[in-house]
C-alpha atoms as a PDB file:
ATOM      1  CA  UNK A   1      -4.663 -11.385  15.484  1.00  0.00           C
ATOM      2  CA  UNK A   2      -1.511 -10.677  13.759  1.00  0.00           C
ATOM      3  CA  UNK A   3       1.658 -12.551  13.099  1.00  0.00           C
ATOM      4  CA  UNK A   4       4.852 -12.822  15.402  1.00  0.00           C
ATOM      5  CA  UNK A   5       6.443 -10.693  12.560  1.00  0.00           C
ATOM      6  CA  UNK A   6       4.088  -7.667  13.405  1.00  0.00           C
ATOM      7  CA  UNK A   7       6.736  -6.124  15.400  1.00  0.00           C
ATOM      8  CA  UNK A   8       7.183  -3.078  13.243  1.00  0.00           C
ATOM      9  CA  UNK A   9       5.007   0.188  13.806  1.00  0.00           C
ATOM     10  CA  UNK A  10       3.796   2.829  11.365  1.00  0.00           C
ATOM     11  CA  UNK A  11       6.916   4.800  11.811  1.00  0.00           C
ATOM     12  CA  UNK A  12       8.876   1.718  10.271  1.00  0.00           C
ATOM     13  CA  UNK A  13       6.790   1.989   7.113  1.00  0.00           C
ATOM     14  CA  UNK A  14       7.169   4.479   4.229  1.00  0.00           C
ATOM     15  CA  UNK A  15       4.159   4.919   1.870  1.00  0.00           C
ATOM     16  CA  UNK A  16       5.382   5.448  -1.559  1.00  0.00           C
ATOM     17  CA  UNK A  17       3.873   6.713  -4.941  1.00  0.00           C
ATOM     18  CA  UNK A  18       4.709   7.084  -8.469  1.00  0.00           C
ATOM     19  CA  UNK A  19       5.714  10.519  -9.286  1.00  0.00           C
ATOM     20  CA  UNK A  20       2.905  11.095 -11.406  1.00  0.00           C
ATOM     21  CA  UNK A  21       0.849  11.535  -7.972  1.00  0.00           C
ATOM     22  CA  UNK A  22       0.594  15.143  -7.245  1.00  0.00           C
ATOM     23  CA  UNK A  23      -0.047  14.790  -3.610  1.00  0.00           C
ATOM     24  CA  UNK A  24       2.932  14.921  -1.204  1.00  0.00           C
ATOM     25  CA  UNK A  25       0.732  13.663   1.882  1.00  0.00           C
ATOM     26  CA  UNK A  26      -2.157  11.569   2.264  1.00  0.00           C
ATOM     27  CA  UNK A  27      -4.625  11.294   5.283  1.00  0.00           C
ATOM     28  CA  UNK A  28      -4.606   7.859   6.925  1.00  0.00           C
ATOM     29  CA  UNK A  29      -8.268   7.498   6.274  1.00  0.00           C
ATOM     30  CA  UNK A  30      -7.731   8.213   2.517  1.00  0.00           C
ATOM     31  CA  UNK A  31      -4.907   5.545   2.473  1.00  0.00           C
ATOM     32  CA  UNK A  32      -6.986   2.902   3.910  1.00  0.00           C
ATOM     33  CA  UNK A  33      -9.722   3.735   1.382  1.00  0.00           C
ATOM     34  CA  UNK A  34      -7.313   3.514  -1.605  1.00  0.00           C
ATOM     35  CA  UNK A  35      -6.279   0.064  -0.252  1.00  0.00           C
ATOM     36  CA  UNK A  36      -9.705  -1.145   0.328  1.00  0.00           C
ATOM     37  CA  UNK A  37     -10.556   0.161  -3.086  1.00  0.00           C
ATOM     38  CA  UNK A  38     -13.138   2.468  -2.111  1.00  0.00           C
ATOM     39  CA  UNK A  39     -11.003   5.536  -3.399  1.00  0.00           C
ATOM     40  CA  UNK A  40      -9.236   5.587  -6.609  1.00  0.00           C
ATOM     41  CA  UNK A  41      -7.574   9.167  -6.550  1.00  0.00           C
ATOM     42  CA  UNK A  42      -5.837  11.504  -4.063  1.00  0.00           C
ATOM     43  CA  UNK A  43      -5.004  15.075  -4.814  1.00  0.00           C
ATOM     44  CA  UNK A  44      -6.589  14.729  -8.219  1.00  0.00           C
ATOM     45  CA  UNK A  45      -4.280  11.897  -9.308  1.00  0.00           C
ATOM     46  CA  UNK A  46      -5.750   8.478 -10.077  1.00  0.00           C
ATOM     47  CA  UNK A  47      -3.968   5.946  -7.760  1.00  0.00           C
ATOM     48  CA  UNK A  48      -3.767   2.193  -7.702  1.00  0.00           C
ATOM     49  CA  UNK A  49      -2.560   0.302  -4.547  1.00  0.00           C
ATOM     50  CA  UNK A  50       0.483  -2.019  -4.513  1.00  0.00           C
ATOM     51  CA  UNK A  51       0.977  -4.588  -1.906  1.00  0.00           C
ATOM     52  CA  UNK A  52       3.695  -6.687  -0.626  1.00  0.00           C
ATOM     53  CA  UNK A  53       2.908 -10.384  -0.184  1.00  0.00           C
ATOM     54  CA  UNK A  54       4.301 -11.034   3.357  1.00  0.00           C
ATOM     55  CA  UNK A  55       6.664 -10.044   6.019  1.00  0.00           C
ATOM     56  CA  UNK A  56       7.006  -7.363   8.810  1.00  0.00           C
ATOM     57  CA  UNK A  57       6.592  -4.284   6.707  1.00  0.00           C
ATOM     58  CA  UNK A  58       3.399  -5.790   5.250  1.00  0.00           C
ATOM     59  CA  UNK A  59       2.118  -6.970   8.763  1.00  0.00           C
ATOM     60  CA  UNK A  60       2.817  -3.461   9.963  1.00  0.00           C
ATOM     61  CA  UNK A  61       1.107  -1.548   7.375  1.00  0.00           C
ATOM     62  CA  UNK A  62      -2.075  -3.790   7.589  1.00  0.00           C
ATOM     63  CA  UNK A  63      -2.092  -3.208  11.254  1.00  0.00           C
ATOM     64  CA  UNK A  64      -1.546   0.662  11.329  1.00  0.00           C
ATOM     65  CA  UNK A  65      -3.408   1.624   8.601  1.00  0.00           C
ATOM     66  CA  UNK A  66      -5.918  -1.035   7.449  1.00  0.00           C
ATOM     67  CA  UNK A  67      -6.718  -2.397  10.887  1.00  0.00           C
ATOM     68  CA  UNK A  68      -7.180  -6.280   9.012  1.00  0.00           C
ATOM     69  CA  UNK A  69      -4.900  -9.224   9.060  1.00  0.00           C
ATOM     70  CA  UNK A  70      -3.553 -10.334   5.558  1.00  0.00           C
ATOM     71  CA  UNK A  71      -6.193 -13.401   5.517  1.00  0.00           C
ATOM     72  CA  UNK A  72      -9.218 -11.092   5.992  1.00  0.00           C
ATOM     73  CA  UNK A  73      -7.786  -8.637   3.459  1.00  0.00           C
ATOM     74  CA  UNK A  74      -7.112 -11.272   1.002  1.00  0.00           C
ATOM     75  CA  UNK A  75     -10.728 -12.572   1.353  1.00  0.00           C
ATOM     76  CA  UNK A  76     -12.098  -9.083   1.002  1.00  0.00           C
ATOM     77  CA  UNK A  77     -10.166  -8.740  -2.381  1.00  0.00           C
ATOM     78  CA  UNK A  78     -11.188 -12.122  -3.626  1.00  0.00           C
ATOM     79  CA  UNK A  79     -14.991 -11.397  -2.844  1.00  0.00           C
ATOM     80  CA  UNK A  80     -14.406  -8.170  -4.869  1.00  0.00           C
ATOM     81  CA  UNK A  81     -12.933 -10.149  -7.929  1.00  0.00           C
ATOM     82  CA  UNK A  82     -15.538 -12.806  -7.655  1.00  0.00           C
ATOM     83  CA  UNK A  83     -18.450 -10.511  -7.846  1.00  0.00           C
ATOM     84  CA  UNK A  84     -16.849  -8.567 -10.667  1.00  0.00           C
ATOM     85  CA  UNK A  85     -16.305  -5.185  -8.664  1.00  0.00           C
ATOM     86  CA  UNK A  86     -12.583  -5.029  -8.767  1.00  0.00           C
ATOM     87  CA  UNK A  87      -9.477  -6.836  -9.762  1.00  0.00           C
ATOM     88  CA  UNK A  88      -6.510  -7.873  -7.380  1.00  0.00           C
ATOM     89  CA  UNK A  89      -4.161  -5.090  -6.649  1.00  0.00           C
ATOM     90  CA  UNK A  90      -0.626  -5.942  -7.721  1.00  0.00           C
ATOM     91  CA  UNK A  91       1.551  -7.644  -5.236  1.00  0.00           C
ATOM     92  CA  UNK A  92       5.215  -7.408  -4.827  1.00  0.00           C
ATOM     93  CA  UNK A  93       7.497  -9.804  -3.135  1.00  0.00           C
ATOM     94  CA  UNK A  94       9.983  -7.321  -1.393  1.00  0.00           C
ATOM     95  CA  UNK A  95      10.796  -3.756  -0.922  1.00  0.00           C
ATOM     96  CA  UNK A  96      13.237  -3.425  -3.939  1.00  0.00           C
ATOM     97  CA  UNK A  97      10.513  -4.859  -6.096  1.00  0.00           C
ATOM     98  CA  UNK A  98       7.825  -2.620  -4.829  1.00  0.00           C
ATOM     99  CA  UNK A  99       9.832   0.494  -5.286  1.00  0.00           C
ATOM    100  CA  UNK A 100      10.651  -0.604  -9.073  1.00  0.00           C
ATOM    101  CA  UNK A 101       7.052  -1.451  -9.851  1.00  0.00           C
ATOM    102  CA  UNK A 102       5.883   2.029  -8.060  1.00  0.00           C
ATOM    103  CA  UNK A 103       8.491   4.033 -10.172  1.00  0.00           C
ATOM    104  CA  UNK A 104       7.613   2.650 -13.469  1.00  0.00           C
ATOM    105  CA  UNK A 105       3.514   2.576 -12.992  1.00  0.00           C
ATOM    106  CA  UNK A 106       1.625   5.699 -13.345  1.00  0.00           C
ATOM    107  CA  UNK A 107      -0.489   6.224 -10.244  1.00  0.00           C
ATOM    108  CA  UNK A 108       1.098   3.377  -8.193  1.00  0.00           C
ATOM    109  CA  UNK A 109       1.012   3.762  -4.316  1.00  0.00           C
ATOM    110  CA  UNK A 110       2.670   1.158  -2.149  1.00  0.00           C
ATOM    111  CA  UNK A 111       4.751   0.958   0.972  1.00  0.00           C
ATOM    112  CA  UNK A 112       8.156  -0.226   2.134  1.00  0.00           C
ATOM    113  CA  UNK A 113      10.144  -0.527   5.157  1.00  0.00           C
ATOM    114  CA  UNK A 114      11.549   2.725   6.499  1.00  0.00           C
ATOM    115  CA  UNK A 115      15.076   1.615   5.830  1.00  0.00           C
ATOM    116  CA  UNK A 116      14.419   0.964   2.072  1.00  0.00           C
ATOM    117  CA  UNK A 117      15.847   3.157  -0.654  1.00  0.00           C
ATOM    118  CA  UNK A 118      13.123   5.038  -2.317  1.00  0.00           C
ATOM    119  CA  UNK A 119      14.969   6.386  -5.325  1.00  0.00           C
ATOM    120  CA  UNK A 120      12.725   6.899  -8.267  1.00  0.00           C
ATOM    121  CA  UNK A 121       9.708   7.367  -6.212  1.00  0.00           C
ATOM    122  CA  UNK A 122       8.163   9.825  -3.824  1.00  0.00           C
ATOM    123  CA  UNK A 123       7.508   9.513  -0.125  1.00  0.00           C
ATOM    124  CA  UNK A 124       4.176  10.503   0.876  1.00  0.00           C
ATOM    125  CA  UNK A 125       3.694  11.837   4.522  1.00  0.00           C
ATOM    126  CA  UNK A 126       0.910  10.160   6.136  1.00  0.00           C
ATOM    127  CA  UNK A 127      -1.427  12.392   8.473  1.00  0.00           C
END
């Protein structure tokens, strides 16, 4: 179901947020709802999901928190865009790009590998 790169686990992924996000933690169910566009705020702060386009971190995040392979997630987003219910989330190419985008974008929430530098953003604890 998931690619061979899906050797990482939730402990290998850090959820990051722009410093404008007031929450310091997020429930796993709320995280899933944010990335499936069912929820647009946490802790009273407006949030917008930021995805990575591929790689082991992306696959681990999808497996552990969304329970969907990338192909299913992309089809889901395309159906929302096609029906006018939502727009595609921002997609970044790598950890450094994700951190830079989240740091400068109010309400942005994304994920990076556990080894990535998260200077300029806050790391959310997933409960």
